[in-house]
C-alpha atoms as a PDB file:
ATOM      1  CA  VAL A   1      88.777  81.580 119.099  1.00  0.00           C
ATOM      2  CA  ASP A   2      86.522  83.505 117.155  1.00  0.00           C
ATOM      3  CA  VAL A   3      86.959  84.097 113.411  1.00  0.00           C
ATOM      4  CA  THR A   4      84.989  86.461 111.188  1.00  0.00           C
ATOM      5  CA  VAL A   5      85.372  85.876 107.517  1.00  0.00           C
ATOM      6  CA  ALA A   6      84.515  89.482 105.848  1.00  0.00           C
ATOM      7  CA  GLY A   7      83.847  89.618 102.105  1.00  0.00           C
ATOM      8  CA  LEU A   8      84.979  92.581  99.993  1.00  0.00           C
ATOM      9  CA  PHE A   9      81.950  92.327  97.856  1.00  0.00           C
ATOM     10  CA  GLY A  10      79.359  91.232 100.629  1.00  0.00           C
ATOM     11  CA  PRO A  11      78.556  87.835 101.946  1.00  0.00           C
ATOM     12  CA  ASP A  12      78.316  85.783  98.739  1.00  0.00           C
ATOM     13  CA  PRO A  13      80.642  83.310  98.071  1.00  0.00           C
ATOM     14  CA  VAL A  14      84.066  84.129  96.797  1.00  0.00           C
ATOM     15  CA  THR A  15      86.132  81.756  94.176  1.00  0.00           C
ATOM     16  CA  CYS A  16      89.610  82.307  94.583  1.00  0.00           C
ATOM     17  CA  SER A  17      92.122  81.841  92.126  1.00  0.00           C
ATOM     18  CA  ARG A  18      92.726  77.980  92.666  1.00  0.00           C
ATOM     19  CA  ASN A  19      88.931  77.305  92.556  1.00  0.00           C
ATOM     20  CA  VAL A  20      88.720  77.213  96.384  1.00  0.00           C
ATOM     21  CA  VAL A  21      85.245  79.027  97.114  1.00  0.00           C
ATOM     22  CA  ILE A  22      85.190  80.901 100.501  1.00  0.00           C
ATOM     23  CA  LYS A  23      81.591  81.743 102.457  1.00  0.00           C
ATOM     24  CA  PRO A  24      82.128  84.932 104.218  1.00  0.00           C
ATOM     25  CA  ASP A  25      80.335  85.454 107.246  1.00  0.00           C
ATOM     26  CA  LYS A  26      79.382  89.080 106.603  1.00  0.00           C
ATOM     27  CA  SER A  27      80.658  91.916 104.427  1.00  0.00           C
ATOM     28  CA  LEU A  28      83.845  93.972 105.407  1.00  0.00           C
ATOM     29  CA  GLU A  29      81.285  96.863 105.713  1.00  0.00           C
ATOM     30  CA  ASP A  30      79.518  94.924 108.521  1.00  0.00           C
ATOM     31  CA  ALA A  31      82.713  93.820 110.277  1.00  0.00           C
ATOM     32  CA  LEU A  32      84.035  97.189 110.423  1.00  0.00           C
ATOM     33  CA  LYS A  33      81.173  97.639 112.812  1.00  0.00           C
ATOM     34  CA  HIS A  34      82.781  95.255 115.062  1.00  0.00           C
ATOM     35  CA  ALA A  35      86.296  96.325 115.022  1.00  0.00           C
ATOM     36  CA  PRO A  36      88.613  96.464 116.299  1.00  0.00           C
ATOM     37  CA  TYR A  37      89.820  92.980 115.946  1.00  0.00           C
ATOM     38  CA  ASP A  38      93.004  91.201 117.700  1.00  0.00           C
ATOM     39  CA  VAL A  39      94.514  90.069 114.139  1.00  0.00           C
ATOM     40  CA  VAL A  40      93.502  90.968 110.585  1.00  0.00           C
ATOM     41  CA  ILE A  41      94.689  88.658 108.091  1.00  0.00           C
ATOM     42  CA  MET A  42      94.259  89.607 104.578  1.00  0.00           C
ATOM     43  CA  PRO A  43      94.555  87.140 101.592  1.00  0.00           C
ATOM     44  CA  GLY A  44      96.997  87.434  98.982  1.00  0.00           C
ATOM     45  CA  GLY A  45      96.916  86.562  95.143  1.00  0.00           C
ATOM     46  CA  GLY A  46      97.066  88.764  92.105  1.00  0.00           C
ATOM     47  CA  LEU A  47      93.357  90.083  91.148  1.00  0.00           C
ATOM     48  CA  GLY A  48      92.561  89.694  95.261  1.00  0.00           C
ATOM     49  CA  ALA A  49      95.118  91.738  96.101  1.00  0.00           C
ATOM     50  CA  LYS A  50      94.118  94.493  93.495  1.00  0.00           C
ATOM     51  CA  ASN A  51      90.588  94.495  94.704  1.00  0.00           C
ATOM     52  CA  LEU A  52      91.932  95.092  98.091  1.00  0.00           C
ATOM     53  CA  ALA A  53      94.086  97.634  97.348  1.00  0.00           C
ATOM     54  CA  GLU A  54      91.119  99.693  95.749  1.00  0.00           C
ATOM     55  CA  SER A  55      88.848  99.145  99.032  1.00  0.00           C
ATOM     56  CA  ASN A  56      87.893 102.103 101.106  1.00  0.00           C
ATOM     57  CA  GLU A  57      86.939  99.348 103.621  1.00  0.00           C
ATOM     58  CA  VAL A  58      90.225  97.355 103.573  1.00  0.00           C
ATOM     59  CA  LYS A  59      91.930 100.992 103.963  1.00  0.00           C
ATOM     60  CA  LYS A  60      89.733 101.597 107.071  1.00  0.00           C
ATOM     61  CA  ILE A  61      90.420  98.544 108.694  1.00  0.00           C
ATOM     62  CA  LEU A  62      93.924  98.362 108.298  1.00  0.00           C
ATOM     63  CA  GLN A  63      94.326 101.855 109.280  1.00  0.00           C
ATOM     64  CA  ALA A  64      92.271 101.541 112.323  1.00  0.00           C
ATOM     65  CA  GLN A  65      94.744  98.502 112.911  1.00  0.00           C
ATOM     66  CA  GLU A  66      97.780 100.347 112.610  1.00  0.00           C
ATOM     67  CA  GLU A  67      96.546 103.343 114.755  1.00  0.00           C
ATOM     68  CA  ARG A  68      95.672 100.854 117.727  1.00  0.00           C
ATOM     69  CA  ASN A  69      99.172  98.905 116.777  1.00  0.00           C
ATOM     70  CA  GLY A  70      97.088  95.941 116.046  1.00  0.00           C
ATOM     71  CA  LEU A  71      98.383  92.782 114.393  1.00  0.00           C
ATOM     72  CA  ILE A  72      97.839  92.670 110.477  1.00  0.00           C
ATOM     73  CA  ALA A  73      99.151  89.751 108.920  1.00  0.00           C
ATOM     74  CA  ALA A  74      99.324  88.763 104.970  1.00  0.00           C
ATOM     75  CA  ILE A  75      99.376  85.779 102.955  1.00  0.00           C
ATOM     76  CA  CYS A  76     101.362  85.894  99.770  1.00  0.00           C
ATOM     77  CA  ALA A  77     103.559  88.925  98.306  1.00  0.00           C
ATOM     78  CA  GLY A  78     100.230  90.363  96.136  1.00  0.00           C
ATOM     79  CA  MET A  79      99.464  92.039  99.388  1.00  0.00           C
ATOM     80  CA  LEU A  80     102.555  94.413  98.841  1.00  0.00           C
ATOM     81  CA  ARG A  81     100.196  96.480  96.643  1.00  0.00           C
ATOM     82  CA  VAL A  82      97.832  96.833  99.329  1.00  0.00           C
ATOM     83  CA  TYR A  83     100.554  98.022 101.936  1.00  0.00           C
ATOM     84  CA  SER A  84     102.132 100.619  99.665  1.00  0.00           C
ATOM     85  CA  ARG A  85      98.759 102.168  98.490  1.00  0.00           C
ATOM     86  CA  LEU A  86      97.766 102.508 101.712  1.00  0.00           C
ATOM     87  CA  ALA A  87     101.342 103.618 103.331  1.00  0.00           C
ATOM     88  CA  LEU A  88     101.203 101.517 106.133  1.00  0.00           C
ATOM     89  CA  LYS A  89     103.817 101.806 108.252  1.00  0.00           C
ATOM     90  CA  PHE A  90     104.633  98.076 109.049  1.00  0.00           C
ATOM     91  CA  PHE A  91     103.373  94.723 108.268  1.00  0.00           C
ATOM     92  CA  ILE A  92     103.910  91.214 109.309  1.00  0.00           C
END
């Protein structure tokens, strides 16, 4: 299984709300160049969900997934903000 971890603000490490540090493989902008993906999994959390909801890159990748009936998965209810802002038709 090939997995790409993309960072919203580039490939720099991200510290999550529970002090977990994630090191993205690439920026989300770079990840968009390699789309489509079989599944796009969106993380949850308060501030993270706010940042994702305000991102044009997130909008692009989720809309592309939806247009091709690709899978979109979300972790945590905080992602409802992202989906409602983008007016996506479905989510898993």
